[in-house]
Amino acid sequence: MAGVLAGATMVVHFAALLYIGLGGFLAWKWPRSIFLHVFFAAWGVLVNVFPIPCPLTALENYFRRQQGLGDLPGGFNEHYIIGVLFPADYIHVVAIGALIVLIVSYVGAYLRWRTPTVAAK
């Protein structure tokens, strides 16, 4: 059972990362969602910049220890993403790209909120 829960935690963690990266675009359709996204984006930055433990990583580590596997080597990003989805040498390029995507999503949301929509006739 711990293996299933560890796997489910990993899936939720990837979903959270996708939301952190792309959730600002949801505000184009649902403007109020930006407040939740700002929280998640700030949390993502804090966890990656400062030595603050991610609760999802801690939860997955807990379930892994229940199986006798031990903690994720290097943490979630180092285990599943860096060196797996892109080479470790490109971490700065990926970080800048993610920041650009975030800015575009927020600028787009702002422009959509600012521009009045015309009701369909």
N, C-alpha and C. Protein backbone atom coordinates (compact mmCIF):
# COMPACT_ATOMS: atom_id res chain seq x y z
N MET A 1 0.82 -1.20 0.00
CA MET A 1 0.00 0.00 0.00
C MET A 1 0.87 1.26 0.00
N ALA A 2 1.99 1.23 0.70
CA ALA A 2 2.88 2.39 0.76
C ALA A 2 3.42 2.72 -0.63
N GLY A 3 3.65 1.70 -1.45
CA GLY A 3 4.14 1.93 -2.81
C GLY A 3 3.13 2.67 -3.65
N VAL A 4 1.86 2.30 -3.51
CA VAL A 4 0.78 2.98 -4.24
C VAL A 4 0.69 4.43 -3.78
N LEU A 5 0.77 4.64 -2.47
CA LEU A 5 0.68 6.00 -1.93
C LEU A 5 1.89 6.85 -2.34
N ALA A 6 3.07 6.24 -2.39
CA ALA A 6 4.26 6.97 -2.86
C ALA A 6 4.09 7.35 -4.32
N GLY A 7 3.58 6.42 -5.12
CA GLY A 7 3.33 6.71 -6.54
C GLY A 7 2.28 7.80 -6.73
N ALA A 8 1.22 7.73 -5.94
CA ALA A 8 0.17 8.76 -6.02
C ALA A 8 0.72 10.13 -5.61
N THR A 9 1.57 10.15 -4.60
CA THR A 9 2.18 11.40 -4.17
C THR A 9 3.06 11.97 -5.28
N MET A 10 3.79 11.11 -5.98
CA MET A 10 4.62 11.56 -7.09
C MET A 10 3.74 12.18 -8.19
N VAL A 11 2.63 11.56 -8.51
CA VAL A 11 1.72 12.07 -9.53
C VAL A 11 1.16 13.44 -9.11
N VAL A 12 0.75 13.56 -7.86
CA VAL A 12 0.24 14.84 -7.35
C VAL A 12 1.34 15.90 -7.40
N HIS A 13 2.57 15.49 -7.09
CA HIS A 13 3.70 16.42 -7.13
C HIS A 13 3.92 16.94 -8.56
N PHE A 14 3.89 16.06 -9.54
CA PHE A 14 4.03 16.49 -10.93
C PHE A 14 2.88 17.41 -11.33
N ALA A 15 1.66 17.09 -10.89
CA ALA A 15 0.50 17.95 -11.19
C ALA A 15 0.69 19.33 -10.57
N ALA A 16 1.21 19.37 -9.35
CA ALA A 16 1.46 20.65 -8.69
C ALA A 16 2.51 21.45 -9.46
N LEU A 17 3.55 20.78 -9.95
CA LEU A 17 4.58 21.48 -10.73
C LEU A 17 4.01 22.01 -12.04
N LEU A 18 3.16 21.24 -12.68
CA LEU A 18 2.51 21.73 -13.90
C LEU A 18 1.63 22.94 -13.60
N TYR A 19 0.92 22.89 -12.48
CA TYR A 19 0.09 24.03 -12.09
C TYR A 19 0.94 25.25 -11.78
N ILE A 20 2.07 25.04 -11.10
CA ILE A 20 2.97 26.16 -10.81
C ILE A 20 3.46 26.78 -12.12
N GLY A 21 3.80 25.96 -13.08
CA GLY A 21 4.33 26.46 -14.34
C GLY A 21 3.29 27.04 -15.28
N LEU A 22 2.12 26.43 -15.33
CA LEU A 22 1.14 26.81 -16.34
C LEU A 22 -0.18 27.34 -15.78
N GLY A 23 -0.34 27.31 -14.48
CA GLY A 23 -1.61 27.70 -13.86
C GLY A 23 -2.00 29.14 -14.10
N GLY A 24 -1.02 30.02 -14.36
CA GLY A 24 -1.34 31.41 -14.64
C GLY A 24 -2.22 31.55 -15.88
N PHE A 25 -2.11 30.61 -16.81
CA PHE A 25 -2.94 30.66 -18.00
C PHE A 25 -4.41 30.36 -17.69
N LEU A 26 -4.67 29.62 -16.61
CA LEU A 26 -6.06 29.38 -16.21
C LEU A 26 -6.77 30.67 -15.84
N ALA A 27 -6.01 31.65 -15.37
CA ALA A 27 -6.59 32.94 -15.00
C ALA A 27 -7.11 33.69 -16.21
N TRP A 28 -6.69 33.31 -17.40
CA TRP A 28 -7.23 33.94 -18.60
C TRP A 28 -8.72 33.62 -18.73
N LYS A 29 -9.07 32.41 -18.30
CA LYS A 29 -10.47 31.97 -18.36
C LYS A 29 -11.19 32.21 -17.03
N TRP A 30 -10.50 31.91 -15.94
CA TRP A 30 -11.07 32.05 -14.59
C TRP A 30 -10.21 33.00 -13.78
N PRO A 31 -10.49 34.30 -13.84
CA PRO A 31 -9.62 35.32 -13.22
C PRO A 31 -9.35 35.10 -11.73
N ARG A 32 -10.29 34.62 -10.99
CA ARG A 32 -10.07 34.45 -9.54
C ARG A 32 -9.05 33.36 -9.22
N SER A 33 -8.79 32.48 -10.17
CA SER A 33 -7.81 31.42 -9.92
C SER A 33 -6.39 31.96 -9.76
N ILE A 34 -6.18 33.21 -10.15
CA ILE A 34 -4.83 33.79 -10.05
C ILE A 34 -4.36 33.85 -8.61
N PHE A 35 -5.26 34.03 -7.66
CA PHE A 35 -4.86 34.13 -6.26
C PHE A 35 -4.28 32.81 -5.76
N LEU A 36 -4.90 31.70 -6.11
CA LEU A 36 -4.37 30.39 -5.75
C LEU A 36 -3.05 30.15 -6.47
N HIS A 37 -2.98 30.58 -7.72
CA HIS A 37 -1.75 30.36 -8.47
C HIS A 37 -0.59 31.16 -7.89
N VAL A 38 -0.84 32.39 -7.49
CA VAL A 38 0.23 33.20 -6.89
C VAL A 38 0.79 32.49 -5.67
N PHE A 39 -0.09 31.91 -4.84
CA PHE A 39 0.37 31.16 -3.66
C PHE A 39 1.26 30.00 -4.08
N PHE A 40 0.80 29.20 -5.04
CA PHE A 40 1.58 28.03 -5.49
C PHE A 40 2.89 28.46 -6.12
N ALA A 41 2.87 29.49 -6.94
CA ALA A 41 4.10 29.96 -7.59
C ALA A 41 5.10 30.46 -6.56
N ALA A 42 4.62 31.23 -5.58
CA ALA A 42 5.51 31.72 -4.52
C ALA A 42 6.07 30.55 -3.72
N TRP A 43 5.24 29.58 -3.42
CA TRP A 43 5.71 28.40 -2.69
C TRP A 43 6.77 27.66 -3.49
N GLY A 44 6.54 27.50 -4.79
CA GLY A 44 7.51 26.82 -5.64
C GLY A 44 8.85 27.54 -5.66
N VAL A 45 8.81 28.86 -5.73
CA VAL A 45 10.06 29.63 -5.71
C VAL A 45 10.75 29.47 -4.36
N LEU A 46 10.02 29.61 -3.28
CA LEU A 46 10.61 29.51 -1.94
C LEU A 46 11.27 28.16 -1.72
N VAL A 47 10.58 27.10 -2.10
CA VAL A 47 11.10 25.74 -1.88
C VAL A 47 12.37 25.50 -2.69
N ASN A 48 12.45 26.11 -3.88
CA ASN A 48 13.61 25.88 -4.73
C ASN A 48 14.77 26.83 -4.46
N VAL A 49 14.49 27.98 -3.86
CA VAL A 49 15.55 28.96 -3.61
C VAL A 49 16.09 28.85 -2.19
N PHE A 50 15.22 28.59 -1.23
CA PHE A 50 15.62 28.52 0.18
C PHE A 50 15.53 27.08 0.68
N PRO A 51 16.22 26.77 1.77
CA PRO A 51 16.19 25.39 2.29
C PRO A 51 14.90 25.09 3.06
N ILE A 52 13.76 25.24 2.37
CA ILE A 52 12.46 24.93 2.96
C ILE A 52 12.03 23.58 2.40
N PRO A 53 11.70 22.63 3.26
CA PRO A 53 11.30 21.31 2.74
C PRO A 53 9.92 21.36 2.08
N CYS A 54 9.80 20.69 0.97
CA CYS A 54 8.51 20.58 0.28
C CYS A 54 7.69 19.50 0.97
N PRO A 55 6.45 19.81 1.34
CA PRO A 55 5.64 18.80 2.02
C PRO A 55 5.34 17.58 1.15
N LEU A 56 5.26 17.75 -0.16
CA LEU A 56 5.00 16.60 -1.02
C LEU A 56 6.21 15.68 -1.10
N THR A 57 7.40 16.26 -1.12
CA THR A 57 8.61 15.44 -1.09
C THR A 57 8.71 14.69 0.23
N ALA A 58 8.42 15.39 1.32
CA ALA A 58 8.45 14.76 2.64
C ALA A 58 7.44 13.60 2.71
N LEU A 59 6.27 13.80 2.13
CA LEU A 59 5.24 12.75 2.15
C LEU A 59 5.67 11.55 1.32
N GLU A 60 6.23 11.81 0.14
CA GLU A 60 6.71 10.69 -0.68
C GLU A 60 7.85 9.96 0.03
N ASN A 61 8.75 10.70 0.66
CA ASN A 61 9.84 10.06 1.41
C ASN A 61 9.30 9.19 2.54
N TYR A 62 8.25 9.67 3.20
CA TYR A 62 7.63 8.88 4.27
C TYR A 62 7.15 7.53 3.73
N PHE A 63 6.42 7.57 2.61
CA PHE A 63 5.91 6.33 2.02
C PHE A 63 7.04 5.45 1.50
N ARG A 64 8.11 6.05 0.98
CA ARG A 64 9.26 5.27 0.52
C ARG A 64 9.93 4.57 1.71
N ARG A 65 10.06 5.29 2.82
CA ARG A 65 10.67 4.67 4.00
C ARG A 65 9.82 3.51 4.51
N GLN A 66 8.50 3.59 4.38
CA GLN A 66 7.61 2.50 4.76
C GLN A 66 7.91 1.24 3.96
N GLN A 67 8.43 1.43 2.76
CA GLN A 67 8.78 0.30 1.89
C GLN A 67 10.23 -0.14 2.06
N GLY A 68 10.98 0.59 2.89
CA GLY A 68 12.39 0.29 3.09
C GLY A 68 13.29 0.84 1.99
N LEU A 69 12.79 1.82 1.24
CA LEU A 69 13.56 2.37 0.12
C LEU A 69 14.43 3.56 0.51
N GLY A 70 14.09 4.27 1.53
CA GLY A 70 14.83 5.47 1.90
C GLY A 70 14.34 6.67 1.13
N ASP A 71 14.88 7.82 1.48
CA ASP A 71 14.45 9.07 0.86
C ASP A 71 14.85 9.15 -0.60
N LEU A 72 14.17 10.04 -1.33
CA LEU A 72 14.53 10.30 -2.73
C LEU A 72 15.96 10.83 -2.76
N PRO A 73 16.82 10.23 -3.56
CA PRO A 73 18.19 10.72 -3.64
C PRO A 73 18.23 12.14 -4.22
N GLY A 74 18.61 13.12 -3.41
CA GLY A 74 18.71 14.50 -3.85
C GLY A 74 17.41 15.28 -3.84
N GLY A 75 16.30 14.65 -3.57
CA GLY A 75 15.00 15.34 -3.58
C GLY A 75 14.23 15.06 -4.86
N PHE A 76 13.02 15.58 -4.91
CA PHE A 76 12.10 15.31 -6.03
C PHE A 76 12.66 15.79 -7.36
N ASN A 77 13.04 17.07 -7.42
CA ASN A 77 13.53 17.63 -8.68
C ASN A 77 14.77 16.89 -9.18
N GLU A 78 15.69 16.63 -8.29
CA GLU A 78 16.93 15.97 -8.69
C GLU A 78 16.69 14.52 -9.11
N HIS A 79 15.70 13.88 -8.50
CA HIS A 79 15.44 12.46 -8.80
C HIS A 79 14.62 12.27 -10.08
N TYR A 80 13.58 13.09 -10.25
CA TYR A 80 12.65 12.87 -11.36
C TYR A 80 12.82 13.82 -12.54
N ILE A 81 13.44 14.99 -12.33
CA ILE A 81 13.41 16.01 -13.38
C ILE A 81 14.80 16.34 -13.91
N ILE A 82 15.68 16.86 -13.05
CA ILE A 82 17.00 17.31 -13.49
C ILE A 82 17.84 16.10 -13.88
N GLY A 83 18.32 16.10 -15.11
CA GLY A 83 19.09 14.97 -15.62
C GLY A 83 18.23 13.88 -16.21
N VAL A 84 16.91 13.99 -16.02
CA VAL A 84 15.98 13.01 -16.59
C VAL A 84 15.18 13.66 -17.72
N LEU A 85 14.51 14.77 -17.42
CA LEU A 85 13.72 15.48 -18.43
C LEU A 85 14.57 16.46 -19.23
N PHE A 86 15.63 16.96 -18.64
CA PHE A 86 16.57 17.84 -19.33
C PHE A 86 17.93 17.69 -18.67
N PRO A 87 19.00 17.97 -19.40
CA PRO A 87 20.35 17.84 -18.82
C PRO A 87 20.56 18.83 -17.67
N ALA A 88 21.30 18.40 -16.68
CA ALA A 88 21.57 19.24 -15.52
C ALA A 88 22.27 20.55 -15.89
N ASP A 89 23.05 20.55 -16.95
CA ASP A 89 23.74 21.76 -17.38
C ASP A 89 22.78 22.86 -17.84
N TYR A 90 21.53 22.51 -18.13
CA TYR A 90 20.56 23.47 -18.64
C TYR A 90 19.59 23.99 -17.58
N ILE A 91 19.90 23.78 -16.31
CA ILE A 91 18.99 24.19 -15.24
C ILE A 91 18.69 25.69 -15.29
N HIS A 92 19.69 26.51 -15.59
CA HIS A 92 19.47 27.95 -15.64
C HIS A 92 18.60 28.34 -16.84
N VAL A 93 18.79 27.67 -17.95
CA VAL A 93 17.96 27.93 -19.14
C VAL A 93 16.52 27.57 -18.85
N VAL A 94 16.29 26.43 -18.20
CA VAL A 94 14.94 25.99 -17.87
C VAL A 94 14.31 26.96 -16.87
N ALA A 95 15.07 27.41 -15.88
CA ALA A 95 14.55 28.35 -14.89
C ALA A 95 14.14 29.67 -15.54
N ILE A 96 14.98 30.17 -16.44
CA ILE A 96 14.64 31.42 -17.14
C ILE A 96 13.42 31.21 -18.03
N GLY A 97 13.35 30.07 -18.70
CA GLY A 97 12.17 29.76 -19.53
C GLY A 97 10.90 29.68 -18.71
N ALA A 98 10.99 29.07 -17.54
CA ALA A 98 9.82 28.97 -16.66
C ALA A 98 9.38 30.35 -16.19
N LEU A 99 10.34 31.20 -15.87
CA LEU A 99 10.02 32.57 -15.45
C LEU A 99 9.35 33.35 -16.59
N ILE A 100 9.83 33.17 -17.80
CA ILE A 100 9.21 33.83 -18.95
C ILE A 100 7.78 33.36 -19.15
N VAL A 101 7.55 32.05 -19.04
CA VAL A 101 6.20 31.50 -19.18
C VAL A 101 5.29 32.08 -18.10
N LEU A 102 5.78 32.17 -16.87
CA LEU A 102 4.99 32.74 -15.78
C LEU A 102 4.64 34.19 -16.06
N ILE A 103 5.61 34.97 -16.49
CA ILE A 103 5.36 36.39 -16.80
C ILE A 103 4.34 36.54 -17.93
N VAL A 104 4.49 35.75 -18.98
CA VAL A 104 3.54 35.80 -20.10
C VAL A 104 2.14 35.46 -19.62
N SER A 105 2.01 34.45 -18.77
CA SER A 105 0.68 34.07 -18.29
C SER A 105 0.05 35.19 -17.46
N TYR A 106 0.85 35.86 -16.63
CA TYR A 106 0.32 36.94 -15.80
C TYR A 106 0.00 38.18 -16.63
N VAL A 107 0.86 38.53 -17.59
CA VAL A 107 0.59 39.67 -18.46
C VAL A 107 -0.68 39.40 -19.27
N GLY A 108 -0.79 38.20 -19.80
CA GLY A 108 -1.99 37.83 -20.56
C GLY A 108 -3.24 37.90 -19.71
N ALA A 109 -3.16 37.43 -18.48
CA ALA A 109 -4.32 37.49 -17.58
C ALA A 109 -4.70 38.95 -17.31
N TYR A 110 -3.70 39.77 -17.06
CA TYR A 110 -3.96 41.19 -16.80
C TYR A 110 -4.63 41.85 -18.01
N LEU A 111 -4.12 41.59 -19.20
CA LEU A 111 -4.69 42.20 -20.40
C LEU A 111 -6.12 41.72 -20.65
N ARG A 112 -6.38 40.47 -20.35
CA ARG A 112 -7.75 39.95 -20.52
C ARG A 112 -8.69 40.57 -19.50
N TRP A 113 -8.24 40.80 -18.28
CA TRP A 113 -9.09 41.42 -17.25
C TRP A 113 -9.36 42.88 -17.59
N ARG A 114 -8.33 43.53 -18.09
CA ARG A 114 -8.41 44.96 -18.37
C ARG A 114 -9.30 45.25 -19.56
N THR A 115 -9.30 44.39 -20.55
CA THR A 115 -10.08 44.59 -21.76
C THR A 115 -11.50 44.14 -21.52
N PRO A 116 -12.47 45.05 -21.67
CA PRO A 116 -13.86 44.64 -21.46
C PRO A 116 -14.30 43.67 -22.57
N THR A 117 -15.05 42.68 -22.16
CA THR A 117 -15.56 41.72 -23.15
C THR A 117 -16.89 42.21 -23.67
N VAL A 118 -17.12 41.98 -24.93
CA VAL A 118 -18.38 42.37 -25.56
C VAL A 118 -19.33 41.19 -25.49
N ALA A 119 -20.52 41.43 -24.98
CA ALA A 119 -21.51 40.35 -24.87
C ALA A 119 -21.97 39.92 -26.25
N ALA A 120 -22.15 38.63 -26.42
CA ALA A 120 -22.63 38.09 -27.69
C ALA A 120 -24.08 38.52 -27.90
N LYS A 121 -24.41 38.86 -29.17
CA LYS A 121 -25.78 39.32 -29.48
C LYS A 121 -26.63 38.17 -29.94
